[in-house]
Amino acid sequence: MFVDKINLTLLSGSGGSGSISFSSKSSKTSPNGASGGNGGSIILKTRKDLFDFSHIYSKSIFKAENGGDASKNLQSGKNAGDLVIEVPLGTSIFDDEGLISVLLHENEELLLLEGGKGGAGNKDLKSKRNPNPGIAEQGQRRFKKEVRLDLSLITDIAILGLPNSGKSTLIKKITNSNAKTDSYPFTTISPNLGVLESLNSKYTICDLPGLIKGAATGVGLGKSILKHLMNTKVLIFLLDPSNTELNIDEQIKLLEDEIFAYEKKLRQLPVLKVINKSDLSNKPNGMINISALEGLGIDKLLEKIDELNISSLKALNKSYLRTDLNKNEFTIENTTQNYWEVFGHEVDRITNLIGNEIDVFNEISYRFENSDISAELKLLGVNNGSTIKLGKFEFIYE
């Protein structure tokens, strides 16, 4: 089964918690509590010999390992390994905000979800303000992300035509493809890939399911077919003189209308117009005439392909990465006039502390005063005496 679209739930690993300990236990001085290990991140990595998502189709949830908790006396927690998900070249990644990235190159990596940071032990929290802190950070909580992976195959040539025009017969004739063929429409319901070895080069060719009117708006397989044109370099229109509903010119118009309605930039790609089943019709037409079934005219088609110098051509798609992918966010809600509640990863960073209650409160106050949250609240017009809620902590703003 060919799988070119899949939804995944991703969970990075939580960071391990730091520890609280002292070299001098009686006086609780000389802190030596170690830090927790970092949680595993989730990374997407392209692999050239993958051509769809069938290898991950049965697993929709991916969860990275947690970092280890620290022990006393400078024994740090173990960092978790990253979870790498391999995907084919041509993978686009989307979340609820839109496109995240397009991966087009071999062994390209995308850090999609960072693991939680390990919490600092009291040794690393020592400061002039508090030389003997009785606190440590808990590990940063895991991050969760829902994503959709969508594939546009990386090919040199895409063969398009109406149903039953002989596309699968052609790709079997000129490549190593084992595409299914038959004499009824819609035999091909997913792309077939093959490699054409000519005297000068190797070309990856894709035979796409038949296009029908309305494909650009989603009729039939529609957009699931047309998206595979974004990473190809040459289009072959395979035309059928035996079609009783549309003549050759009408077939060309239908293909052009649907393809260019889907994406205007596809007009930039070279097009070879090839009439198949020439053993049934030998009328002069100024196009490339072949019979994929009988092997007639195939040499002429291969010459035309070589003349295009495909290795020098470029596909339309370009690599892309959204720059705000792993930004540290917070949101502020003013639920009543003097009550402000703050949510987000920055809140966790400020409040994620354990240990001595007074030290915890003093550290949270210090972190809050020096954070972007405090500056944003001032811009929003918070008043002295207002209640600020950070996670489970509430305090009066002064």
Protein backbone atom coordinates (compact mmCIF):
# COMPACT_ATOMS: atom_id res chain seq x y z
CA MET A 1 0.00 0.00 0.00
CA PHE A 2 1.34 3.40 -1.02
CA VAL A 3 1.04 5.90 1.87
CA ASP A 4 1.79 9.55 0.99
CA LYS A 5 0.01 11.25 3.89
CA ILE A 6 0.05 10.45 7.59
CA ASN A 7 -0.84 12.09 10.92
CA LEU A 8 1.53 11.66 13.86
CA THR A 9 1.43 12.48 17.57
CA LEU A 10 4.92 13.30 18.84
CA LEU A 11 6.04 13.40 22.47
CA SER A 12 9.57 14.43 23.38
CA GLY A 13 11.19 13.14 26.54
CA SER A 14 10.94 14.94 29.86
CA GLY A 15 14.08 16.23 31.50
CA GLY A 16 15.31 14.54 34.66
CA SER A 17 15.12 16.42 37.96
CA GLY A 18 18.13 17.93 39.69
CA SER A 19 19.09 16.90 43.20
CA ILE A 20 19.60 18.71 46.50
CA SER A 21 22.58 17.73 48.61
CA PHE A 22 25.44 19.33 50.56
CA SER A 23 29.04 18.38 51.26
CA SER A 24 28.51 19.58 54.82
CA LYS A 25 25.27 17.95 55.84
CA SER A 26 25.13 19.40 59.32
CA SER A 27 25.44 23.05 58.26
CA LYS A 28 23.90 22.53 54.81
CA THR A 29 26.70 24.34 53.05
CA SER A 30 28.81 23.55 49.97
CA PRO A 31 25.93 22.39 47.72
CA ASN A 32 26.79 19.41 45.51
CA GLY A 33 23.43 18.40 44.07
CA ALA A 34 23.83 17.41 40.41
CA SER A 35 21.66 18.16 37.36
CA GLY A 36 19.17 15.88 35.65
CA GLY A 37 19.66 14.50 32.16
CA ASN A 38 18.03 16.01 29.08
CA GLY A 39 15.00 14.29 27.59
CA GLY A 40 15.17 12.87 24.09
CA SER A 41 14.30 15.11 21.14
CA ILE A 42 12.38 14.00 18.06
CA ILE A 43 14.18 14.40 14.74
CA LEU A 44 13.00 13.75 11.21
CA LYS A 45 15.70 12.52 8.82
CA THR A 46 15.38 11.88 5.10
CA ARG A 47 16.43 8.58 3.56
CA LYS A 48 16.92 8.22 -0.17
CA ASP A 49 15.60 4.66 -0.43
CA LEU A 50 12.22 5.46 1.16
CA PHE A 51 9.39 6.34 -1.20
CA ASP A 52 6.38 6.65 1.12
CA PHE A 53 5.32 6.43 4.79
CA SER A 54 4.23 2.78 4.82
CA HIS A 55 7.08 1.91 7.22
CA ILE A 56 5.49 4.10 9.95
CA TYR A 57 1.85 3.76 8.92
CA SER A 58 0.95 1.37 11.75
CA LYS A 59 2.50 3.59 14.44
CA SER A 60 0.88 6.98 14.87
CA ILE A 61 2.40 7.91 18.27
CA PHE A 62 6.13 8.43 18.74
CA LYS A 63 7.50 9.01 22.25
CA ALA A 64 11.11 9.82 23.10
CA GLU A 65 12.74 8.63 26.32
CA ASN A 66 12.97 10.73 29.47
CA GLY A 67 16.22 12.03 30.91
CA GLY A 68 17.46 10.44 34.12
CA ASP A 69 17.08 12.09 37.53
CA ALA A 70 20.23 13.25 39.27
CA SER A 71 21.52 11.59 42.42
CA LYS A 72 23.26 13.22 45.34
CA ASN A 73 26.93 14.11 45.49
CA LEU A 74 27.47 15.32 41.91
CA GLN A 75 25.95 12.26 40.21
CA SER A 76 24.23 13.73 37.16
CA GLY A 77 21.25 12.16 35.45
CA LYS A 78 21.75 10.40 32.11
CA ASN A 79 20.80 12.19 28.90
CA ALA A 80 18.20 10.31 26.84
CA GLY A 81 18.91 9.44 23.23
CA ASP A 82 17.05 11.28 20.49
CA LEU A 83 14.27 9.55 18.56
CA VAL A 84 14.94 9.69 14.81
CA ILE A 85 12.03 9.12 12.40
CA GLU A 86 13.15 8.40 8.85
CA VAL A 87 11.09 9.87 6.00
CA PRO A 88 11.39 10.01 2.21
CA LEU A 89 12.80 12.95 0.30
CA GLY A 90 10.00 15.32 -0.67
CA THR A 91 8.32 15.25 2.76
CA SER A 92 6.43 18.36 3.88
CA ILE A 93 5.57 18.75 7.56
CA PHE A 94 2.52 20.65 8.78
CA ASP A 95 1.07 21.52 12.19
CA ASP A 96 -2.06 23.46 13.15
CA GLU A 97 -0.31 26.73 12.22
CA GLY A 98 0.58 25.57 8.71
CA LEU A 99 3.73 24.47 6.92
CA ILE A 100 6.74 23.76 9.15
CA SER A 101 9.31 22.50 6.70
CA VAL A 102 9.96 20.88 3.31
CA LEU A 103 12.74 18.26 3.23
CA LEU A 104 14.20 17.70 -0.23
CA HIS A 105 17.81 16.58 0.26
CA GLU A 106 19.41 13.30 1.27
CA ASN A 107 20.17 12.87 5.00
CA GLU A 108 18.51 16.20 5.79
CA GLU A 109 17.52 16.51 9.46
CA LEU A 110 14.79 18.53 11.14
CA LEU A 111 14.71 18.97 14.92
CA LEU A 112 10.96 18.87 15.18
CA LEU A 113 10.47 18.65 18.92
CA GLU A 114 13.10 19.41 21.55
CA GLY A 115 13.46 17.21 24.58
CA GLY A 116 12.86 18.71 28.01
CA LYS A 117 15.96 20.19 29.63
CA GLY A 118 17.34 18.47 32.67
CA GLY A 119 16.72 20.37 35.89
CA ALA A 120 19.68 22.04 37.60
CA GLY A 121 20.83 20.71 40.95
CA ASN A 122 21.52 23.04 43.85
CA LYS A 123 25.24 23.15 42.96
CA ASP A 124 24.39 24.90 39.66
CA LEU A 125 21.81 27.15 41.35
CA LYS A 126 24.38 28.60 43.75
CA SER A 127 24.68 32.40 43.44
CA LYS A 128 25.69 35.47 45.39
CA ARG A 129 22.02 35.90 46.26
CA ASN A 130 21.88 32.38 47.66
CA PRO A 131 25.26 30.64 48.16
CA ASN A 132 23.67 27.55 49.72
CA PRO A 133 20.36 26.97 47.94
CA GLY A 134 18.06 24.34 49.34
CA ILE A 135 16.33 24.00 45.97
CA ALA A 136 16.66 22.21 42.65
CA GLU A 137 14.85 22.35 39.35
CA GLN A 138 12.51 19.62 38.29
CA GLY A 139 13.14 18.40 34.77
CA GLN A 140 11.37 20.32 32.02
CA ARG A 141 8.17 18.59 31.03
CA ARG A 142 7.89 16.79 27.70
CA PHE A 143 6.58 18.64 24.68
CA LYS A 144 3.73 17.36 22.53
CA LYS A 145 3.04 18.12 18.89
CA GLU A 146 0.49 16.91 16.36
CA VAL A 147 1.86 16.94 12.81
CA ARG A 148 0.85 15.84 9.33
CA LEU A 149 3.43 14.51 6.90
CA ASP A 150 2.65 14.92 3.21
CA LEU A 151 4.78 13.50 0.43
CA SER A 152 5.48 14.86 -3.04
CA LEU A 153 7.67 12.29 -4.79
CA ILE A 154 11.11 13.38 -6.01
CA THR A 155 11.23 12.40 -9.69
CA ASP A 156 12.77 13.48 -12.97
CA ILE A 157 9.73 12.78 -15.16
CA ALA A 158 6.01 12.46 -14.42
CA ILE A 159 3.71 10.70 -16.89
CA LEU A 160 0.18 12.11 -16.98
CA GLY A 161 -2.88 11.26 -18.98
CA LEU A 162 -6.52 10.38 -18.80
CA PRO A 163 -7.54 7.01 -17.37
CA ASN A 164 -6.64 4.02 -19.57
CA SER A 165 -4.22 5.99 -21.77
CA GLY A 166 -1.45 3.42 -21.29
CA LYS A 167 0.72 5.16 -18.70
CA SER A 168 1.50 2.01 -16.73
CA THR A 169 2.29 0.10 -19.94
CA LEU A 170 4.74 2.84 -20.93
CA ILE A 171 6.56 2.95 -17.61
CA LYS A 172 6.91 -0.84 -17.64
CA LYS A 173 8.31 -0.67 -21.17
CA ILE A 174 11.00 1.94 -20.49
CA THR A 175 11.91 1.28 -16.82
CA ASN A 176 12.24 -1.47 -14.24
CA SER A 177 8.76 -0.76 -12.83
CA ASN A 178 6.34 -3.61 -12.14
CA ALA A 179 3.28 -1.39 -12.51
CA LYS A 180 -0.06 -3.17 -12.81
CA THR A 181 -1.68 -2.91 -16.24
CA ASP A 182 -5.13 -3.78 -17.56
CA SER A 183 -7.60 -2.62 -20.18
CA TYR A 184 -10.02 -0.78 -17.92
CA PRO A 185 -9.88 2.75 -16.46
CA PHE A 186 -8.38 3.51 -13.03
CA THR A 187 -6.09 0.48 -12.94
CA THR A 188 -3.48 2.79 -11.40
CA ILE A 189 -4.72 4.18 -8.07
CA SER A 190 -1.32 5.21 -6.67
CA PRO A 191 1.94 6.38 -8.27
CA ASN A 192 4.28 3.83 -9.83
CA LEU A 193 8.01 4.55 -9.81
CA GLY A 194 10.65 3.23 -12.17
CA VAL A 195 14.21 4.03 -13.20
CA LEU A 196 15.06 4.62 -16.85
CA GLU A 197 18.70 3.90 -17.71
CA SER A 198 19.72 5.65 -20.94
CA LEU A 199 23.14 5.89 -22.53
CA ASN A 200 23.87 9.12 -20.69
CA SER A 201 21.90 9.14 -17.44
CA LYS A 202 19.48 7.50 -15.04
CA TYR A 203 16.03 9.05 -14.69
CA THR A 204 13.42 8.40 -12.03
CA ILE A 205 10.00 8.29 -13.67
CA CYS A 206 6.59 8.39 -12.04
CA ASP A 207 3.39 7.10 -13.61
CA LEU A 208 0.49 8.91 -11.93
CA PRO A 209 -3.16 7.80 -11.75
CA GLY A 210 -5.42 9.10 -14.52
CA LEU A 211 -6.62 12.71 -14.35
CA ILE A 212 -10.26 13.62 -14.85
CA LYS A 213 -12.10 16.92 -15.13
CA GLY A 214 -12.20 18.73 -11.79
CA ALA A 215 -9.01 17.10 -10.47
CA ALA A 216 -7.56 20.47 -9.42
CA THR A 217 -10.53 21.04 -7.12
CA GLY A 218 -10.33 17.56 -5.62
CA VAL A 219 -12.55 15.47 -7.90
CA GLY A 220 -11.46 11.82 -7.90
CA LEU A 221 -7.89 11.36 -6.69
CA GLY A 222 -7.37 14.97 -7.84
CA LYS A 223 -5.00 16.83 -5.57
CA SER A 224 -3.39 13.63 -4.27
CA ILE A 225 -2.16 13.10 -7.84
CA LEU A 226 -1.22 16.65 -8.73
CA LYS A 227 0.88 17.29 -5.61
CA HIS A 228 3.48 14.84 -6.97
CA LEU A 229 4.23 17.27 -9.80
CA MET A 230 5.83 19.79 -7.46
CA ASN A 231 9.08 17.82 -7.24
CA THR A 232 9.42 16.68 -10.85
CA LYS A 233 11.32 18.30 -13.72
CA VAL A 234 9.55 17.15 -16.91
CA LEU A 235 5.93 16.31 -17.74
CA ILE A 236 4.89 13.73 -20.31
CA PHE A 237 1.31 14.06 -21.55
CA LEU A 238 0.35 10.58 -22.76
CA LEU A 239 -2.53 10.95 -25.18
CA ASP A 240 -4.97 8.29 -26.37
CA PRO A 241 -6.34 8.39 -29.95
CA SER A 242 -8.80 5.60 -29.08
CA ASN A 243 -10.60 7.74 -26.50
CA THR A 244 -14.20 8.03 -27.73
CA GLU A 245 -15.10 11.00 -25.52
CA LEU A 246 -12.20 13.44 -26.04
CA ASN A 247 -10.00 13.93 -29.08
CA ILE A 248 -6.26 14.61 -28.76
CA ASP A 249 -6.63 18.42 -28.53
CA GLU A 250 -9.37 18.09 -25.93
CA GLN A 251 -7.23 15.72 -23.86
CA ILE A 252 -4.35 18.21 -23.93
CA LYS A 253 -6.68 21.02 -22.86
CA LEU A 254 -8.09 18.98 -19.98
CA LEU A 255 -4.61 18.10 -18.71
CA GLU A 256 -3.35 21.68 -19.00
CA ASP A 257 -6.48 23.12 -17.37
CA GLU A 258 -6.26 20.83 -14.35
CA ILE A 259 -2.48 20.94 -13.88
CA PHE A 260 -2.13 24.71 -14.22
CA ALA A 261 -5.24 25.39 -12.15
CA TYR A 262 -3.59 23.40 -9.36
CA GLU A 263 -0.33 25.36 -9.61
CA LYS A 264 0.42 28.07 -12.17
CA LYS A 265 4.18 27.62 -11.74
CA LEU A 266 3.91 24.18 -13.37
CA ARG A 267 3.77 26.05 -16.70
CA GLN A 268 7.53 26.47 -16.28
CA LEU A 269 8.17 22.73 -16.71
CA PRO A 270 8.96 21.29 -20.15
CA VAL A 271 6.17 19.09 -21.58
CA LEU A 272 6.55 16.20 -24.01
CA LYS A 273 3.27 15.45 -25.80
CA VAL A 274 3.22 11.78 -26.72
CA ILE A 275 0.48 9.97 -28.62
CA ASN A 276 0.23 6.35 -27.53
CA LYS A 277 -1.40 3.45 -29.40
CA SER A 278 0.02 4.69 -32.71
CA ASP A 279 -0.53 1.17 -34.04
CA LEU A 280 -4.23 2.10 -34.00
CA SER A 281 -3.82 5.51 -35.67
CA ASN A 282 -1.04 6.65 -38.01
CA LYS A 283 -2.34 10.14 -38.77
CA PRO A 284 0.42 12.81 -38.94
CA ASN A 285 0.16 15.13 -35.94
CA GLY A 286 3.59 16.68 -35.30
CA MET A 287 3.89 14.95 -31.91
CA ILE A 288 5.87 11.96 -30.65
CA ASN A 289 4.03 8.81 -31.74
CA ILE A 290 4.55 5.53 -29.91
CA SER A 291 2.92 2.25 -29.11
CA ALA A 292 3.86 1.36 -25.54
CA LEU A 293 2.36 -2.08 -25.99
CA GLU A 294 4.20 -2.91 -29.22
CA GLY A 295 7.36 -0.92 -28.45
CA LEU A 296 6.98 1.30 -31.52
CA GLY A 297 8.54 4.78 -31.38
CA ILE A 298 10.09 4.21 -27.94
CA ASP A 299 13.61 4.97 -29.23
CA LYS A 300 12.40 8.34 -30.54
CA LEU A 301 10.83 9.15 -27.15
CA LEU A 302 14.04 8.27 -25.31
CA GLU A 303 16.02 10.52 -27.67
CA LYS A 304 13.71 13.43 -26.87
CA ILE A 305 14.12 12.77 -23.15
CA ASP A 306 17.93 12.81 -23.45
CA GLU A 307 17.80 16.06 -25.47
CA LEU A 308 16.16 17.83 -22.51
CA ASN A 309 19.36 17.51 -20.42
CA ILE A 310 17.23 16.80 -17.35
CA SER A 311 20.16 16.88 -14.93
CA SER A 312 20.42 20.63 -15.53
CA LEU A 313 16.72 21.25 -14.79
CA LYS A 314 15.22 22.10 -11.42
CA ALA A 315 11.92 21.18 -9.80
CA LEU A 316 9.59 23.89 -8.48
CA ASN A 317 9.76 23.02 -4.78
CA LYS A 318 12.44 24.51 -2.55
CA SER A 319 13.58 23.59 0.93
CA TYR A 320 11.75 25.51 3.65
CA LEU A 321 11.92 25.88 7.44
CA ARG A 322 9.61 27.98 9.57
CA THR A 323 11.82 30.06 11.83
CA ASP A 324 9.58 30.09 14.91
CA LEU A 325 9.39 26.31 15.24
CA ASN A 326 10.80 25.96 18.76
CA LYS A 327 10.16 29.40 20.19
CA ASN A 328 9.63 29.71 23.92
CA GLU A 329 6.09 31.02 24.32
CA PHE A 330 3.79 32.27 27.00
CA THR A 331 0.26 33.68 26.98
CA ILE A 332 -1.34 36.10 29.39
CA GLU A 333 -5.04 36.19 30.26
CA ASN A 334 -6.65 39.06 32.18
CA THR A 335 -9.72 37.21 33.44
CA THR A 336 -10.87 40.01 35.76
CA GLN A 337 -9.64 43.57 36.20
CA ASN A 338 -6.94 42.73 38.73
CA TYR A 339 -6.32 39.03 38.08
CA TRP A 340 -3.74 37.93 35.52
CA GLU A 341 -3.00 34.33 34.65
CA VAL A 342 0.09 33.31 32.65
CA PHE A 343 0.55 30.01 30.79
CA GLY A 344 3.29 28.40 28.72
CA HIS A 345 6.82 27.01 28.71
CA GLU A 346 8.32 30.17 30.18
CA VAL A 347 6.06 29.77 33.22
CA ASP A 348 7.35 26.22 33.66
CA ARG A 349 10.94 27.47 33.48
CA ILE A 350 10.29 30.02 36.24
CA THR A 351 8.28 27.85 38.62
CA ASN A 352 9.62 24.34 38.09
CA LEU A 353 11.40 24.18 41.47
CA ILE A 354 11.44 21.87 44.46
CA GLY A 355 12.94 22.16 47.93
CA ASN A 356 12.97 24.71 50.73
CA GLU A 357 9.73 26.74 50.51
CA ILE A 358 11.33 30.11 51.21
CA ASP A 359 14.17 29.52 48.75
CA VAL A 360 11.66 28.38 46.13
CA PHE A 361 9.55 31.50 46.51
CA ASN A 362 12.55 33.83 46.44
CA GLU A 363 13.93 32.18 43.30
CA ILE A 364 10.56 32.36 41.52
CA SER A 365 10.27 36.05 42.41
CA TYR A 366 13.75 36.75 41.06
CA ARG A 367 13.14 34.83 37.82
CA PHE A 368 9.78 36.51 37.30
CA GLU A 369 11.17 40.03 37.76
CA ASN A 370 13.87 39.35 35.15
CA SER A 371 11.61 37.61 32.63
CA ASP A 372 9.82 38.74 29.48
CA ILE A 373 6.57 38.00 31.31
CA SER A 374 7.14 40.85 33.76
CA ALA A 375 7.96 43.26 30.94
CA GLU A 376 4.87 42.18 28.97
CA LEU A 377 2.59 42.64 31.99
CA LYS A 378 3.86 46.21 32.37
CA LEU A 379 3.05 46.90 28.73
CA LEU A 380 -0.44 45.48 29.24
CA GLY A 381 -1.02 47.89 32.15
CA VAL A 382 -0.97 45.62 35.19
CA ASN A 383 -1.65 47.56 38.40
CA ASN A 384 0.11 47.27 41.74
CA GLY A 385 -1.97 45.03 43.96
CA SER A 386 -3.09 42.80 41.09
CA THR A 387 -2.90 39.03 41.54
CA ILE A 388 -0.52 37.21 39.22
CA LYS A 389 -0.86 33.46 38.76
CA LEU A 390 2.11 31.51 37.40
CA GLY A 391 1.26 27.84 37.23
CA LYS A 392 0.18 26.82 40.74
CA PHE A 393 1.76 29.92 42.33
CA GLU A 394 -0.10 33.18 43.06
CA PHE A 395 1.35 36.43 44.34
CA ILE A 396 0.52 40.12 44.56
CA TYR A 397 2.16 42.36 41.99
CA GLU A 398 4.10 45.30 43.45
